[in-house]
Amino acid sequence: MIFACPIDKTNINDNLECEKGHRFNLIDDGIYDFLLKDVKTDRLLERIVPIYENIWAPLGILITSGKTYSFLLSEIANFIEGEVIIDVGTGTGKIFDFLRCSTCVGIDVSIRFLKYLKRKRSKVVAVRGDANNLPLKSGIADGVSSTLVLHMLSNPSFAIKEINRVLKPNGRCSVIVLGNVNSTMAKILSRWWNVSLRHYDYYVNLFLENSLKVVERKELGPWEIIKCVKIS
């Protein structure tokens, strides 16, 4: 069992109960639910789930970066191959079409997205959980990805700390964030989504504070692809 209780980090048994008695559920379409409560999600994204990976995301990425959605996902995937891979904020789980992993875990807060993921990619372990408090054991992942998510969080430092926690020593992480403050498109997108537009260096410093060394960076229009290795 790869899971740990998000409340106290003790081990979870096959009945989805932790050592201190907290119980969790397996819900619709085989989704592991570690939130057990309603969570506010973006209304627009919830409405466009059926067209997200085939129309919305590809069109948006092409317009803003000049690259295809598949190009971005393959950039992420090629860096983090391994036995256990976790995608934080997985959405429809499209990245797993590009990843090679024995245990593939997609985490999101949206049940609608996770249901879509299970219909399209049944072998992926679908987990309803919080990026700031991953319901996973420490040091289990060979790689962690997070695409177009960290900049949506009010405080990305918590999620980055969790990425470090679940990675094995020398494990790899690869993320895409809205981080080019000199880009007019980045400014437009930050206002559109009502999120803070943070400089690339802001994310680099957070990774370094959490023993994640940035080994490669690519700028694609408003987006920054950041690749890291856990150094301790």
Protein backbone atom coordinates (compact mmCIF):
# COMPACT_ATOMS: atom_id res chain seq x y z
CA MET A 1 0.00 0.00 0.00
CA ILE A 2 1.46 3.33 -1.08
CA PHE A 3 -0.88 5.48 0.97
CA ALA A 4 -0.37 7.29 4.25
CA CYS A 5 -2.96 9.12 6.30
CA PRO A 6 -3.09 12.80 5.33
CA ILE A 7 -4.06 13.65 8.90
CA ASP A 8 -1.26 11.97 10.86
CA LYS A 9 0.94 10.31 8.16
CA THR A 10 0.56 6.81 9.66
CA ASN A 11 0.24 3.82 7.33
CA ILE A 12 -3.03 2.95 5.62
CA ASN A 13 -4.21 -0.68 5.49
CA ASP A 14 -6.16 -2.46 2.75
CA ASN A 15 -9.42 -1.29 4.34
CA LEU A 16 -8.25 2.32 3.95
CA GLU A 17 -7.96 2.83 7.69
CA CYS A 18 -4.88 4.37 9.28
CA GLU A 19 -3.11 3.27 12.43
CA LYS A 20 -4.95 5.91 14.47
CA GLY A 21 -8.39 4.99 13.19
CA HIS A 22 -9.03 7.55 10.47
CA ARG A 23 -11.02 5.91 7.68
CA PHE A 24 -11.17 6.80 4.00
CA ASN A 25 -13.22 5.61 1.05
CA LEU A 26 -13.08 4.06 -2.38
CA ILE A 27 -15.71 5.93 -4.38
CA ASP A 28 -17.14 6.08 -7.90
CA ASP A 29 -15.12 4.35 -10.61
CA GLY A 30 -12.41 3.22 -8.17
CA ILE A 31 -11.27 6.62 -6.90
CA TYR A 32 -9.45 6.69 -3.56
CA ASP A 33 -10.96 9.59 -1.61
CA PHE A 34 -8.72 11.12 1.05
CA LEU A 35 -10.60 14.41 1.32
CA LEU A 36 -13.99 13.13 2.52
CA LYS A 37 -15.51 16.60 2.15
CA ASP A 38 -16.56 19.05 -0.49
CA VAL A 39 -13.71 21.17 -1.77
CA LYS A 40 -14.09 24.36 -3.76
CA THR A 41 -12.97 23.78 -7.34
CA ASP A 42 -12.81 26.09 -10.33
CA ARG A 43 -16.29 26.23 -11.88
CA LEU A 44 -15.04 26.84 -15.38
CA LEU A 45 -12.67 23.87 -15.31
CA GLU A 46 -15.39 21.64 -13.90
CA ARG A 47 -17.67 22.54 -16.82
CA ILE A 48 -15.07 21.87 -19.52
CA VAL A 49 -13.89 18.44 -18.32
CA PRO A 50 -15.20 16.64 -21.46
CA ILE A 51 -13.24 18.93 -23.79
CA TYR A 52 -10.26 19.75 -21.59
CA GLU A 53 -7.57 17.46 -23.00
CA ASN A 54 -8.68 17.44 -26.64
CA ILE A 55 -9.68 21.08 -27.17
CA TRP A 56 -9.23 23.44 -24.20
CA ALA A 57 -5.68 22.64 -23.08
CA PRO A 58 -4.23 22.01 -26.59
CA LEU A 59 -5.70 25.23 -27.96
CA GLY A 60 -4.68 27.27 -24.93
CA ILE A 61 -1.10 26.00 -24.94
CA LEU A 62 -0.72 26.50 -28.69
CA ILE A 63 -1.98 30.08 -28.53
CA THR A 64 0.11 31.06 -25.51
CA SER A 65 3.36 29.21 -26.17
CA GLY A 66 3.41 28.28 -29.83
CA LYS A 67 3.96 24.65 -28.81
CA THR A 68 1.57 21.71 -28.75
CA TYR A 69 0.09 20.35 -25.56
CA SER A 70 1.68 17.00 -26.38
CA PHE A 71 5.09 18.67 -26.65
CA LEU A 72 4.79 20.10 -23.13
CA LEU A 73 3.62 16.82 -21.63
CA SER A 74 6.38 14.83 -23.33
CA GLU A 75 8.95 17.33 -22.03
CA ILE A 76 7.74 16.63 -18.51
CA ALA A 77 7.39 12.88 -18.93
CA ASN A 78 10.76 12.19 -20.53
CA PHE A 79 12.58 13.55 -17.49
CA ILE A 80 10.84 11.54 -14.79
CA GLU A 81 10.53 7.94 -15.92
CA GLY A 82 10.54 5.36 -13.14
CA GLU A 83 8.67 2.61 -11.33
CA VAL A 84 6.48 4.89 -9.19
CA ILE A 85 5.38 8.18 -10.70
CA ILE A 86 3.00 10.69 -9.13
CA ASP A 87 1.23 13.45 -11.03
CA VAL A 88 0.00 16.23 -8.76
CA GLY A 89 -3.05 18.07 -10.06
CA THR A 90 -3.49 15.43 -12.72
CA GLY A 91 -6.80 16.58 -14.20
CA THR A 92 -7.71 14.06 -16.90
CA GLY A 93 -4.39 12.27 -16.47
CA LYS A 94 -3.33 12.93 -20.06
CA ILE A 95 0.35 12.97 -19.03
CA PHE A 96 0.17 9.22 -18.35
CA ASP A 97 -0.09 8.70 -22.11
CA PHE A 98 3.54 9.83 -22.19
CA LEU A 99 4.87 8.37 -18.92
CA ARG A 100 6.32 4.91 -18.43
CA CYS A 101 5.65 3.71 -14.88
CA SER A 102 4.62 0.52 -13.10
CA THR A 103 2.65 2.37 -10.44
CA CYS A 104 1.11 5.52 -11.91
CA VAL A 105 -0.70 7.78 -9.44
CA GLY A 106 -2.82 10.76 -10.43
CA ILE A 107 -3.91 13.14 -7.67
CA ASP A 108 -6.56 15.84 -7.98
CA VAL A 109 -9.27 17.50 -5.89
CA SER A 110 -11.90 17.22 -8.63
CA ILE A 111 -14.04 14.10 -8.71
CA ARG A 112 -15.24 14.99 -12.23
CA PHE A 113 -11.69 15.03 -13.57
CA LEU A 114 -10.80 11.82 -11.75
CA LYS A 115 -13.86 10.03 -13.13
CA TYR A 116 -12.78 11.03 -16.62
CA LEU A 117 -9.26 9.80 -15.87
CA LYS A 118 -10.50 6.36 -14.78
CA ARG A 119 -12.67 5.99 -17.89
CA LYS A 120 -9.77 6.86 -20.20
CA ARG A 121 -6.82 5.44 -18.26
CA SER A 122 -8.08 2.66 -16.04
CA LYS A 123 -4.61 1.49 -14.96
CA VAL A 124 -3.81 4.82 -13.30
CA VAL A 125 -4.40 4.95 -9.54
CA ALA A 126 -6.84 7.85 -9.15
CA VAL A 127 -6.59 9.70 -5.84
CA ARG A 128 -8.72 12.55 -4.56
CA GLY A 129 -6.31 14.47 -2.40
CA ASP A 130 -4.74 17.80 -1.57
CA ALA A 131 -1.48 18.88 -3.25
CA ASN A 132 -0.51 20.56 0.02
CA ASN A 133 -0.93 17.34 2.00
CA LEU A 134 -0.41 14.30 -0.20
CA PRO A 135 -1.94 11.06 1.15
CA LEU A 136 1.19 9.08 0.29
CA LYS A 137 4.08 7.50 2.14
CA SER A 138 7.37 9.36 2.27
CA GLY A 139 10.16 8.43 -0.14
CA ILE A 140 8.13 6.21 -2.46
CA ALA A 141 8.29 8.06 -5.79
CA ASP A 142 10.91 7.89 -8.50
CA GLY A 143 9.38 10.94 -10.10
CA VAL A 144 6.75 13.61 -9.52
CA SER A 145 5.15 15.81 -12.15
CA SER A 146 2.85 18.80 -11.83
CA THR A 147 1.56 20.59 -14.88
CA LEU A 148 -0.08 24.04 -14.79
CA VAL A 149 -0.93 23.66 -11.09
CA LEU A 150 1.58 25.20 -8.66
CA HIS A 151 0.89 28.78 -9.72
CA MET A 152 -2.82 28.20 -8.98
CA LEU A 153 -2.07 27.57 -5.30
CA SER A 154 -2.15 30.41 -2.77
CA ASN A 155 1.09 29.14 -1.24
CA PRO A 156 3.05 26.74 -3.49
CA SER A 157 5.66 26.13 -0.79
CA PHE A 158 3.45 23.53 0.90
CA ALA A 159 3.02 21.52 -2.30
CA ILE A 160 6.74 21.71 -3.10
CA LYS A 161 7.54 20.51 0.41
CA GLU A 162 5.24 17.55 -0.18
CA ILE A 163 6.87 16.79 -3.53
CA ASN A 164 10.20 16.58 -1.75
CA ARG A 165 8.76 14.37 0.99
CA VAL A 166 7.34 11.70 -1.31
CA LEU A 167 10.38 11.58 -3.62
CA LYS A 168 13.13 9.01 -3.18
CA PRO A 169 16.73 10.27 -2.85
CA ASN A 170 17.83 11.34 -6.33
CA GLY A 171 14.21 11.27 -7.44
CA ARG A 172 13.17 13.71 -10.13
CA CYS A 173 10.42 16.27 -10.41
CA SER A 174 9.25 18.24 -13.40
CA VAL A 175 6.73 21.08 -13.35
CA ILE A 176 5.19 23.70 -15.61
CA VAL A 177 4.25 27.01 -14.01
CA LEU A 178 3.11 30.44 -15.07
CA GLY A 179 6.38 32.17 -14.27
CA ASN A 180 7.53 34.56 -16.99
CA VAL A 181 6.81 37.95 -15.46
CA ASN A 182 8.07 39.72 -18.60
CA SER A 183 5.40 38.09 -20.74
CA THR A 184 2.29 40.09 -21.56
CA MET A 185 0.41 36.82 -21.96
CA ALA A 186 1.47 35.75 -18.46
CA LYS A 187 0.02 38.96 -17.06
CA ILE A 188 -3.22 38.40 -18.95
CA LEU A 189 -3.48 34.79 -17.74
CA SER A 190 -2.75 35.74 -14.13
CA ARG A 191 -5.62 38.21 -14.23
CA TRP A 192 -7.87 35.72 -16.03
CA TRP A 193 -7.32 33.05 -13.39
CA ASN A 194 -6.98 35.54 -10.52
CA VAL A 195 -3.64 34.11 -9.43
CA SER A 196 -0.39 35.72 -8.37
CA LEU A 197 2.22 36.01 -11.11
CA ARG A 198 5.45 34.96 -9.43
CA HIS A 199 8.93 35.22 -10.90
CA TYR A 200 10.78 32.08 -11.95
CA ASP A 201 13.31 32.73 -9.15
CA TYR A 202 10.52 32.45 -6.60
CA TYR A 203 9.95 28.81 -7.58
CA VAL A 204 13.67 28.06 -7.84
CA ASN A 205 14.21 29.28 -4.28
CA LEU A 206 11.34 27.15 -3.00
CA PHE A 207 12.78 24.07 -4.69
CA LEU A 208 16.23 24.75 -3.24
CA GLU A 209 14.78 25.27 0.25
CA ASN A 210 13.33 21.78 -0.07
CA SER A 211 16.52 20.05 -1.29
CA LEU A 212 15.40 20.03 -4.91
CA LYS A 213 18.13 21.17 -7.28
CA VAL A 214 16.99 22.78 -10.53
CA VAL A 215 18.93 21.11 -13.35
CA GLU A 216 17.08 22.48 -16.36
CA ARG A 217 14.78 25.33 -17.22
CA LYS A 218 12.88 26.16 -20.41
CA GLU A 219 10.85 29.26 -21.15
CA LEU A 220 7.87 28.82 -23.46
CA GLY A 221 5.96 32.06 -23.75
CA PRO A 222 4.37 32.68 -20.33
CA TRP A 223 5.25 29.19 -19.10
CA GLU A 224 8.34 27.91 -17.33
CA ILE A 225 9.32 24.24 -17.46
CA ILE A 226 11.41 23.47 -14.37
CA LYS A 227 13.19 20.15 -13.86
CA CYS A 228 14.67 19.19 -10.49
CA VAL A 229 16.53 16.41 -8.72
CA LYS A 230 16.24 15.65 -5.00
CA ILE A 231 19.70 16.11 -3.57
CA SER A 232 19.22 14.68 -0.07
